[in-house]
Amino acid sequence: MKLIKSSLIPMLAVAALATSPAHAADEKKAEAAEKANKKICKKYRPTGTRIAKKTCMTQGAWDELKRRAQEAARNSQRLSGQQSRESG
């Protein structure tokens, strides 16, 4: 019985150490998914009013909105540059 205990404890310790990095990676993935799904509310004041409005979206939705706004700005700048070359 003592032999079983003495050989079982090191085996369990090795098994626990072997699964720790995988478990930590799973925890990080779960934490990142939770962060992406967390609702974030932002207040803004539309032009012409003093009353603030509040918009709530997930972090992923805010990131997508930011990406689209940046893309629209780049396209607008690119198109305005082409028009000035054509007329000039």
N, C-alpha and C. Protein backbone atom coordinates (compact mmCIF):
# COMPACT_ATOMS: atom_id res chain seq x y z
N MET A 1 0.83 -1.19 0.00
CA MET A 1 0.00 0.00 0.00
C MET A 1 0.87 1.25 0.00
N LYS A 2 1.94 1.19 0.81
CA LYS A 2 2.84 2.34 0.89
C LYS A 2 3.54 2.56 -0.45
N LEU A 3 3.85 1.49 -1.16
CA LEU A 3 4.50 1.58 -2.46
C LEU A 3 3.56 2.24 -3.48
N ILE A 4 2.30 1.91 -3.42
CA ILE A 4 1.32 2.50 -4.34
C ILE A 4 1.21 4.00 -4.09
N LYS A 5 1.13 4.39 -2.82
CA LYS A 5 1.02 5.81 -2.49
C LYS A 5 2.27 6.57 -2.93
N SER A 6 3.43 5.98 -2.68
CA SER A 6 4.67 6.68 -3.01
C SER A 6 4.87 6.80 -4.52
N SER A 7 4.35 5.90 -5.30
CA SER A 7 4.49 6.02 -6.75
C SER A 7 3.33 6.81 -7.36
N LEU A 8 2.20 6.83 -6.70
CA LEU A 8 1.03 7.53 -7.22
C LEU A 8 1.16 9.04 -7.08
N ILE A 9 1.73 9.50 -5.99
CA ILE A 9 1.85 10.95 -5.74
C ILE A 9 2.72 11.63 -6.81
N PRO A 10 3.91 11.11 -7.13
CA PRO A 10 4.70 11.76 -8.18
C PRO A 10 4.00 11.72 -9.55
N MET A 11 3.29 10.64 -9.82
CA MET A 11 2.58 10.55 -11.10
C MET A 11 1.48 11.60 -11.18
N LEU A 12 0.77 11.81 -10.09
CA LEU A 12 -0.27 12.84 -10.08
C LEU A 12 0.34 14.24 -10.21
N ALA A 13 1.47 14.44 -9.58
CA ALA A 13 2.14 15.75 -9.67
C ALA A 13 2.58 16.03 -11.11
N VAL A 14 3.13 15.03 -11.77
CA VAL A 14 3.55 15.19 -13.16
C VAL A 14 2.34 15.45 -14.05
N ALA A 15 1.27 14.74 -13.81
CA ALA A 15 0.05 14.94 -14.60
C ALA A 15 -0.51 16.33 -14.40
N ALA A 16 -0.48 16.82 -13.18
CA ALA A 16 -0.98 18.16 -12.89
C ALA A 16 -0.12 19.21 -13.58
N LEU A 17 1.18 19.04 -13.56
CA LEU A 17 2.07 19.99 -14.23
C LEU A 17 1.90 19.95 -15.74
N ALA A 18 1.64 18.78 -16.27
CA ALA A 18 1.48 18.65 -17.72
C ALA A 18 0.20 19.31 -18.21
N THR A 19 -0.83 19.34 -17.40
CA THR A 19 -2.10 19.93 -17.84
C THR A 19 -2.20 21.41 -17.50
N SER A 20 -1.32 21.94 -16.71
CA SER A 20 -1.40 23.35 -16.32
C SER A 20 -1.31 24.31 -17.50
N PRO A 21 -0.36 24.19 -18.43
CA PRO A 21 -0.31 25.12 -19.55
C PRO A 21 -1.56 25.07 -20.42
N ALA A 22 -2.09 23.88 -20.65
CA ALA A 22 -3.30 23.75 -21.45
C ALA A 22 -4.47 24.41 -20.73
N HIS A 23 -4.53 24.20 -19.44
CA HIS A 23 -5.60 24.80 -18.65
C HIS A 23 -5.46 26.32 -18.64
N ALA A 24 -4.25 26.82 -18.54
CA ALA A 24 -4.02 28.27 -18.55
C ALA A 24 -4.40 28.86 -19.89
N ALA A 25 -4.10 28.15 -20.97
CA ALA A 25 -4.47 28.64 -22.30
C ALA A 25 -5.99 28.69 -22.45
N ASP A 26 -6.67 27.66 -21.93
CA ASP A 26 -8.13 27.65 -21.98
C ASP A 26 -8.70 28.80 -21.16
N GLU A 27 -8.09 29.07 -20.02
CA GLU A 27 -8.55 30.18 -19.18
C GLU A 27 -8.38 31.51 -19.90
N LYS A 28 -7.25 31.69 -20.58
CA LYS A 28 -7.01 32.93 -21.31
C LYS A 28 -8.00 33.09 -22.45
N LYS A 29 -8.31 31.99 -23.15
CA LYS A 29 -9.29 32.06 -24.23
C LYS A 29 -10.67 32.41 -23.69
N ALA A 30 -11.03 31.80 -22.58
CA ALA A 30 -12.33 32.09 -21.97
C ALA A 30 -12.39 33.53 -21.49
N GLU A 31 -11.29 34.01 -20.93
CA GLU A 31 -11.24 35.39 -20.45
C GLU A 31 -11.34 36.37 -21.62
N ALA A 32 -10.67 36.07 -22.73
CA ALA A 32 -10.74 36.93 -23.91
C ALA A 32 -12.14 36.93 -24.50
N ALA A 33 -12.79 35.76 -24.53
CA ALA A 33 -14.15 35.68 -25.05
C ALA A 33 -15.11 36.45 -24.15
N GLU A 34 -14.90 36.34 -22.85
CA GLU A 34 -15.75 37.07 -21.91
C GLU A 34 -15.56 38.58 -22.07
N LYS A 35 -14.32 38.99 -22.28
CA LYS A 35 -14.03 40.42 -22.47
C LYS A 35 -14.67 40.92 -23.76
N ALA A 36 -14.64 40.11 -24.82
CA ALA A 36 -15.23 40.51 -26.10
C ALA A 36 -16.75 40.60 -26.00
N ASN A 37 -17.36 39.80 -25.14
CA ASN A 37 -18.81 39.80 -25.01
C ASN A 37 -19.31 40.77 -23.95
N LYS A 38 -18.42 41.40 -23.22
CA LYS A 38 -18.81 42.33 -22.18
C LYS A 38 -19.40 43.59 -22.82
N LYS A 39 -20.52 44.05 -22.28
CA LYS A 39 -21.14 45.26 -22.82
C LYS A 39 -20.44 46.49 -22.30
N ILE A 40 -20.19 47.41 -23.21
CA ILE A 40 -19.55 48.68 -22.86
C ILE A 40 -20.47 49.79 -23.34
N CYS A 41 -20.80 50.70 -22.44
CA CYS A 41 -21.68 51.82 -22.77
C CYS A 41 -20.85 53.09 -22.89
N LYS A 42 -21.14 53.86 -23.93
CA LYS A 42 -20.45 55.13 -24.14
C LYS A 42 -21.49 56.21 -24.34
N LYS A 43 -21.20 57.38 -23.78
CA LYS A 43 -22.08 58.53 -23.95
C LYS A 43 -21.48 59.46 -24.99
N TYR A 44 -22.35 60.05 -25.80
CA TYR A 44 -21.91 61.03 -26.78
C TYR A 44 -22.98 62.10 -26.92
N ARG A 45 -22.60 63.25 -27.38
CA ARG A 45 -23.52 64.35 -27.55
C ARG A 45 -23.67 64.64 -29.04
N PRO A 46 -24.82 64.31 -29.63
CA PRO A 46 -25.01 64.58 -31.06
C PRO A 46 -24.96 66.09 -31.34
N THR A 47 -24.56 66.44 -32.54
CA THR A 47 -24.49 67.85 -32.93
C THR A 47 -25.86 68.49 -32.84
N GLY A 48 -25.92 69.66 -32.24
CA GLY A 48 -27.17 70.41 -32.15
C GLY A 48 -27.96 70.16 -30.89
N THR A 49 -27.45 69.40 -29.96
CA THR A 49 -28.17 69.14 -28.72
C THR A 49 -27.20 69.12 -27.54
N ARG A 50 -27.72 69.44 -26.38
CA ARG A 50 -26.90 69.38 -25.17
C ARG A 50 -27.18 68.10 -24.39
N ILE A 51 -28.15 67.34 -24.86
CA ILE A 51 -28.53 66.11 -24.17
C ILE A 51 -27.69 64.95 -24.71
N ALA A 52 -27.01 64.29 -23.81
CA ALA A 52 -26.16 63.17 -24.21
C ALA A 52 -27.00 61.93 -24.48
N LYS A 53 -26.54 61.13 -25.41
CA LYS A 53 -27.17 59.84 -25.70
C LYS A 53 -26.19 58.75 -25.30
N LYS A 54 -26.72 57.62 -24.96
CA LYS A 54 -25.90 56.50 -24.50
C LYS A 54 -26.10 55.33 -25.46
N THR A 55 -24.99 54.74 -25.89
CA THR A 55 -25.03 53.57 -26.76
C THR A 55 -24.24 52.45 -26.09
N CYS A 56 -24.85 51.29 -26.02
CA CYS A 56 -24.20 50.12 -25.41
C CYS A 56 -24.00 49.04 -26.47
N MET A 57 -22.78 48.55 -26.58
CA MET A 57 -22.45 47.46 -27.50
C MET A 57 -21.36 46.61 -26.86
N THR A 58 -21.13 45.46 -27.44
CA THR A 58 -20.04 44.61 -26.97
C THR A 58 -18.71 45.19 -27.47
N GLN A 59 -17.62 44.76 -26.86
CA GLN A 59 -16.30 45.25 -27.28
C GLN A 59 -16.05 44.89 -28.74
N GLY A 60 -16.48 43.72 -29.16
CA GLY A 60 -16.31 43.32 -30.56
C GLY A 60 -17.06 44.24 -31.50
N ALA A 61 -18.26 44.66 -31.12
CA ALA A 61 -19.05 45.57 -31.95
C ALA A 61 -18.39 46.95 -32.01
N TRP A 62 -17.86 47.43 -30.88
CA TRP A 62 -17.15 48.72 -30.88
C TRP A 62 -15.93 48.65 -31.79
N ASP A 63 -15.20 47.54 -31.72
CA ASP A 63 -14.01 47.38 -32.56
C ASP A 63 -14.39 47.38 -34.04
N GLU A 64 -15.47 46.69 -34.38
CA GLU A 64 -15.94 46.65 -35.77
C GLU A 64 -16.38 48.03 -36.24
N LEU A 65 -17.07 48.77 -35.39
CA LEU A 65 -17.51 50.12 -35.73
C LEU A 65 -16.29 51.02 -35.98
N LYS A 66 -15.29 50.91 -35.15
CA LYS A 66 -14.06 51.70 -35.31
C LYS A 66 -13.36 51.33 -36.61
N ARG A 67 -13.28 50.04 -36.91
CA ARG A 67 -12.62 49.58 -38.13
C ARG A 67 -13.34 50.13 -39.36
N ARG A 68 -14.68 50.08 -39.35
CA ARG A 68 -15.45 50.58 -40.49
C ARG A 68 -15.30 52.09 -40.65
N ALA A 69 -15.27 52.82 -39.55
CA ALA A 69 -15.10 54.28 -39.62
C ALA A 69 -13.73 54.63 -40.19
N GLN A 70 -12.70 53.90 -39.78
CA GLN A 70 -11.36 54.15 -40.31
C GLN A 70 -11.30 53.83 -41.79
N GLU A 71 -11.95 52.74 -42.19
CA GLU A 71 -11.97 52.35 -43.60
C GLU A 71 -12.70 53.40 -44.43
N ALA A 72 -13.82 53.92 -43.93
CA ALA A 72 -14.57 54.95 -44.64
C ALA A 72 -13.74 56.22 -44.78
N ALA A 73 -13.01 56.60 -43.75
CA ALA A 73 -12.15 57.79 -43.81
C ALA A 73 -11.04 57.60 -44.83
N ARG A 74 -10.43 56.42 -44.86
CA ARG A 74 -9.37 56.15 -45.84
C ARG A 74 -9.93 56.21 -47.26
N ASN A 75 -11.09 55.60 -47.47
CA ASN A 75 -11.70 55.62 -48.80
C ASN A 75 -12.05 57.04 -49.22
N SER A 76 -12.56 57.83 -48.31
CA SER A 76 -12.90 59.21 -48.61
C SER A 76 -11.66 60.01 -49.00
N GLN A 77 -10.59 59.84 -48.25
CA GLN A 77 -9.35 60.55 -48.56
C GLN A 77 -8.76 60.08 -49.89
N ARG A 78 -8.86 58.80 -50.14
CA ARG A 78 -8.32 58.25 -51.39
C ARG A 78 -9.10 58.78 -52.58
N LEU A 79 -10.43 58.80 -52.47
CA LEU A 79 -11.27 59.28 -53.57
C LEU A 79 -11.10 60.77 -53.79
N SER A 80 -10.97 61.55 -52.73
CA SER A 80 -10.79 63.00 -52.90
C SER A 80 -9.44 63.28 -53.55
N GLY A 81 -8.44 62.49 -53.28
CA GLY A 81 -7.14 62.64 -53.92
C GLY A 81 -7.19 62.32 -55.40
N GLN A 82 -7.99 61.35 -55.79
CA GLN A 82 -8.13 61.00 -57.20
C GLN A 82 -8.86 62.09 -57.96
N GLN A 83 -9.89 62.67 -57.36
CA GLN A 83 -10.67 63.72 -58.02
C GLN A 83 -9.82 64.96 -58.25
N SER A 84 -8.97 65.33 -57.29
CA SER A 84 -8.15 66.53 -57.45
C SER A 84 -7.10 66.33 -58.54
N ARG A 85 -6.61 65.12 -58.72
CA ARG A 85 -5.65 64.85 -59.80
C ARG A 85 -6.33 64.90 -61.16
N GLU A 86 -7.57 64.43 -61.23
CA GLU A 86 -8.29 64.42 -62.50
C GLU A 86 -8.65 65.83 -62.95
N SER A 87 -9.01 66.70 -62.02
CA SER A 87 -9.42 68.05 -62.38
C SER A 87 -8.23 68.99 -62.54
N GLY A 88 -7.08 68.66 -61.99
CA GLY A 88 -5.91 69.53 -61.97
C GLY A 88 -4.99 69.30 -63.06
